Each structure stands twice: as structure tokens, then as C-alpha cells.
C-alpha atoms as a PDB file:
ATOM      1  CA  UNK A   1     -17.393   3.179  11.712  1.00  0.00           C
ATOM      2  CA  UNK A   2     -15.329  -0.269  11.120  1.00  0.00           C
ATOM      3  CA  UNK A   3     -11.623   0.174  10.152  1.00  0.00           C
ATOM      4  CA  UNK A   4     -12.901  -1.771   7.005  1.00  0.00           C
ATOM      5  CA  UNK A   5     -15.555   0.906   5.925  1.00  0.00           C
ATOM      6  CA  UNK A   6     -13.361   3.409   7.349  1.00  0.00           C
ATOM      7  CA  UNK A   7     -10.313   1.282   4.738  1.00  0.00           C
ATOM      8  CA  UNK A   8     -13.119   1.510   1.466  1.00  0.00           C
ATOM      9  CA  UNK A   9     -14.034   5.148   2.284  1.00  0.00           C
ATOM     10  CA  UNK A  10      -9.903   6.461   2.346  1.00  0.00           C
ATOM     11  CA  UNK A  11      -9.699   4.407  -0.617  1.00  0.00           C
ATOM     12  CA  UNK A  12     -12.514   5.964  -2.708  1.00  0.00           C
ATOM     13  CA  UNK A  13     -11.696   9.416  -1.611  1.00  0.00           C
ATOM     14  CA  UNK A  14      -7.821   8.824  -2.941  1.00  0.00           C
ATOM     15  CA  UNK A  15      -9.000   7.369  -6.984  1.00  0.00           C
ATOM     16  CA  UNK A  16     -11.455  10.511  -6.618  1.00  0.00           C
ATOM     17  CA  UNK A  17      -9.003  12.936  -6.361  1.00  0.00           C
ATOM     18  CA  UNK A  18      -5.857  14.036  -8.242  1.00  0.00           C
ATOM     19  CA  UNK A  19      -4.762  14.555  -5.081  1.00  0.00           C
ATOM     20  CA  UNK A  20      -4.757  11.516  -4.093  1.00  0.00           C
ATOM     21  CA  UNK A  21      -1.001  11.031  -2.506  1.00  0.00           C
ATOM     22  CA  UNK A  22      -1.831  13.899  -0.139  1.00  0.00           C
ATOM     23  CA  UNK A  23      -4.879  12.167   1.176  1.00  0.00           C
ATOM     24  CA  UNK A  24      -3.787   9.169   1.703  1.00  0.00           C
ATOM     25  CA  UNK A  25      -0.212  10.102   3.416  1.00  0.00           C
ATOM     26  CA  UNK A  26      -0.001   8.253   7.078  1.00  0.00           C
ATOM     27  CA  UNK A  27       1.210  11.324   9.282  1.00  0.00           C
ATOM     28  CA  UNK A  28       2.027   8.315  12.231  1.00  0.00           C
ATOM     29  CA  UNK A  29       1.568   4.773  13.293  1.00  0.00           C
ATOM     30  CA  UNK A  30      -1.857   3.302  12.269  1.00  0.00           C
ATOM     31  CA  UNK A  31      -4.671   2.766  14.783  1.00  0.00           C
ATOM     32  CA  UNK A  32      -6.582   0.033  12.801  1.00  0.00           C
ATOM     33  CA  UNK A  33      -5.374  -3.263  11.618  1.00  0.00           C
ATOM     34  CA  UNK A  34      -5.148  -2.733   7.900  1.00  0.00           C
ATOM     35  CA  UNK A  35      -3.929  -0.186   5.516  1.00  0.00           C
ATOM     36  CA  UNK A  36      -4.202   0.288   2.008  1.00  0.00           C
ATOM     37  CA  UNK A  37      -1.359   0.913  -0.399  1.00  0.00           C
ATOM     38  CA  UNK A  38      -2.979   1.938  -4.031  1.00  0.00           C
ATOM     39  CA  UNK A  39      -1.134   1.483  -7.399  1.00  0.00           C
ATOM     40  CA  UNK A  40      -2.446   4.469  -9.778  1.00  0.00           C
ATOM     41  CA  UNK A  41      -0.559   6.078 -12.196  1.00  0.00           C
ATOM     42  CA  UNK A  42       2.390   4.027 -12.526  1.00  0.00           C
ATOM     43  CA  UNK A  43       3.103   5.096  -8.947  1.00  0.00           C
ATOM     44  CA  UNK A  44       2.235   3.459  -4.906  1.00  0.00           C
ATOM     45  CA  UNK A  45       0.321   5.737  -2.877  1.00  0.00           C
ATOM     46  CA  UNK A  46       1.522   6.563  -0.599  1.00  0.00           C
ATOM     47  CA  UNK A  47       5.221   6.138  -1.231  1.00  0.00           C
ATOM     48  CA  UNK A  48       6.093   6.053   2.871  1.00  0.00           C
ATOM     49  CA  UNK A  49       3.109   4.463   5.211  1.00  0.00           C
ATOM     50  CA  UNK A  50       3.543   4.844   8.894  1.00  0.00           C
ATOM     51  CA  UNK A  51       2.070   1.483  10.816  1.00  0.00           C
ATOM     52  CA  UNK A  52       2.141  -0.484  14.027  1.00  0.00           C
ATOM     53  CA  UNK A  53       2.825  -3.645  14.320  1.00  0.00           C
ATOM     54  CA  UNK A  54       0.146  -6.181  13.953  1.00  0.00           C
ATOM     55  CA  UNK A  55      -1.064  -3.916  10.658  1.00  0.00           C
ATOM     56  CA  UNK A  56      -1.859  -5.724   7.773  1.00  0.00           C
ATOM     57  CA  UNK A  57      -1.489  -4.018   4.625  1.00  0.00           C
ATOM     58  CA  UNK A  58      -3.271  -4.285   1.671  1.00  0.00           C
ATOM     59  CA  UNK A  59      -1.542  -2.840  -2.305  1.00  0.00           C
ATOM     60  CA  UNK A  60      -4.548  -2.545  -4.442  1.00  0.00           C
ATOM     61  CA  UNK A  61      -3.511  -1.962  -8.197  1.00  0.00           C
ATOM     62  CA  UNK A  62      -5.719   0.548  -9.821  1.00  0.00           C
ATOM     63  CA  UNK A  63      -3.858   0.797 -13.173  1.00  0.00           C
ATOM     64  CA  UNK A  64      -5.354  -0.892 -16.502  1.00  0.00           C
ATOM     65  CA  UNK A  65      -1.399  -2.327 -16.342  1.00  0.00           C
ATOM     66  CA  UNK A  66      -0.544  -5.213 -14.165  1.00  0.00           C
ATOM     67  CA  UNK A  67       1.602  -4.438 -10.995  1.00  0.00           C
ATOM     68  CA  UNK A  68       3.631  -6.450  -8.168  1.00  0.00           C
ATOM     69  CA  UNK A  69       4.535  -5.384  -5.020  1.00  0.00           C
ATOM     70  CA  UNK A  70       8.018  -7.116  -4.058  1.00  0.00           C
ATOM     71  CA  UNK A  71      10.020  -6.603  -0.709  1.00  0.00           C
ATOM     72  CA  UNK A  72      13.536  -5.410  -1.524  1.00  0.00           C
ATOM     73  CA  UNK A  73      14.954  -8.098   0.901  1.00  0.00           C
ATOM     74  CA  UNK A  74      12.683 -10.686  -0.321  1.00  0.00           C
ATOM     75  CA  UNK A  75       9.938 -11.151   3.144  1.00  0.00           C
ATOM     76  CA  UNK A  76       7.391 -10.693   1.064  1.00  0.00           C
ATOM     77  CA  UNK A  77       6.324 -11.250  -2.853  1.00  0.00           C
ATOM     78  CA  UNK A  78       3.017 -10.853  -4.618  1.00  0.00           C
ATOM     79  CA  UNK A  79       2.182 -12.484  -8.100  1.00  0.00           C
ATOM     80  CA  UNK A  80       0.959  -9.881 -11.420  1.00  0.00           C
ATOM     81  CA  UNK A  81      -1.780  -7.950 -10.098  1.00  0.00           C
ATOM     82  CA  UNK A  82      -4.452  -6.911 -12.606  1.00  0.00           C
ATOM     83  CA  UNK A  83      -6.656  -4.406 -12.334  1.00  0.00           C
ATOM     84  CA  UNK A  84      -8.825  -4.290  -8.921  1.00  0.00           C
ATOM     85  CA  UNK A  85      -6.801  -7.200  -7.806  1.00  0.00           C
ATOM     86  CA  UNK A  86      -4.905  -6.964  -4.675  1.00  0.00           C
ATOM     87  CA  UNK A  87      -2.234  -7.918  -2.030  1.00  0.00           C
ATOM     88  CA  UNK A  88      -1.444  -8.439   1.661  1.00  0.00           C
ATOM     89  CA  UNK A  89       1.037  -8.955   3.770  1.00  0.00           C
ATOM     90  CA  UNK A  90       0.826  -8.734   7.492  1.00  0.00           C
ATOM     91  CA  UNK A  91       3.897  -6.920   9.234  1.00  0.00           C
ATOM     92  CA  UNK A  92       5.171  -8.660  12.757  1.00  0.00           C
ATOM     93  CA  UNK A  93       8.020  -6.718  13.276  1.00  0.00           C
ATOM     94  CA  UNK A  94       9.226  -3.261  13.727  1.00  0.00           C
ATOM     95  CA  UNK A  95      11.974  -1.647  10.817  1.00  0.00           C
ATOM     96  CA  UNK A  96      11.738  -0.340   7.695  1.00  0.00           C
ATOM     97  CA  UNK A  97      10.307  -2.232   4.562  1.00  0.00           C
ATOM     98  CA  UNK A  98      11.090  -1.300   0.646  1.00  0.00           C
ATOM     99  CA  UNK A  99       9.407  -2.673  -2.486  1.00  0.00           C
ATOM    100  CA  UNK A 100       9.021  -2.143  -5.875  1.00  0.00           C
ATOM    101  CA  UNK A 101       6.604  -2.861  -8.760  1.00  0.00           C
ATOM    102  CA  UNK A 102       9.189  -5.720 -10.279  1.00  0.00           C
ATOM    103  CA  UNK A 103       7.605  -4.873 -13.613  1.00  0.00           C
ATOM    104  CA  UNK A 104       7.889  -1.185 -13.672  1.00  0.00           C
ATOM    105  CA  UNK A 105      11.037  -0.335 -10.800  1.00  0.00           C
ATOM    106  CA  UNK A 106      10.391   3.130 -10.818  1.00  0.00           C
ATOM    107  CA  UNK A 107       7.134   2.239  -8.515  1.00  0.00           C
ATOM    108  CA  UNK A 108       9.328   1.792  -4.829  1.00  0.00           C
ATOM    109  CA  UNK A 109       7.633   2.284  -1.785  1.00  0.00           C
ATOM    110  CA  UNK A 110       8.706   2.256   2.030  1.00  0.00           C
ATOM    111  CA  UNK A 111       6.661   0.528   4.762  1.00  0.00           C
ATOM    112  CA  UNK A 112       7.918   1.532   8.363  1.00  0.00           C
ATOM    113  CA  UNK A 113       6.262  -0.629  11.249  1.00  0.00           C
ATOM    114  CA  UNK A 114       6.916   1.137  14.282  1.00  0.00           C
END
């Protein structure tokens, strides 16, 4: 199974269940080249994602309202993402990267790059 196909299956499972944060949680660094953070119900899921250096993270808006993805250090910043829009960023250095939705600042998340 390709990493892209696996990513699609995980995203579908996340969206199809009411417990999607538990399904989408990442217990450790990922081994695939891409991971998805979903914006749904005015929250990011998973709220913390641990990945390896070189991983591309894609944020996908599955809400009816627009959202943004903004790094607290200014490293990355999306425009407004409408329903089904996405934004991607590749992490090239280790560290902890916090982000928010600038439209709904209660929506917060963290990417840990190992």
C-alpha cells in the first residue's frame, strides 16, 4: 500500500468516526513522507503530531467555516482554507512547532519533529 493511499484511508477513518482524534493520534515519529492534520468541529486533530525530519504535514479543512494554519514563529502561514482546502509544509529541522487558526485562536496544535 502506498503512503498516499494509507493517508487517504486514515483521513477517511478520522472523518467517519466521532472518535477521530484518537484514531489520528501519532504515538511516535512517522515513517511516511506525509501526514494529515484535520480541522473539524473547530479543533485540529490530532492536536499533537510527532514526525521525522523531512515529513510533509498537510492540514485539511473539513469544517463548514474557513480556517488558517499559522506558526507561532512565522515559519509557515496559510491563507484562509475553505471546506476541503488544504495547506502543506515540509519540516526540515528538529524542534517543536506550535500553530493556531488565526480566525479561531482557540484552535491550537503542535508538530514535534524528531
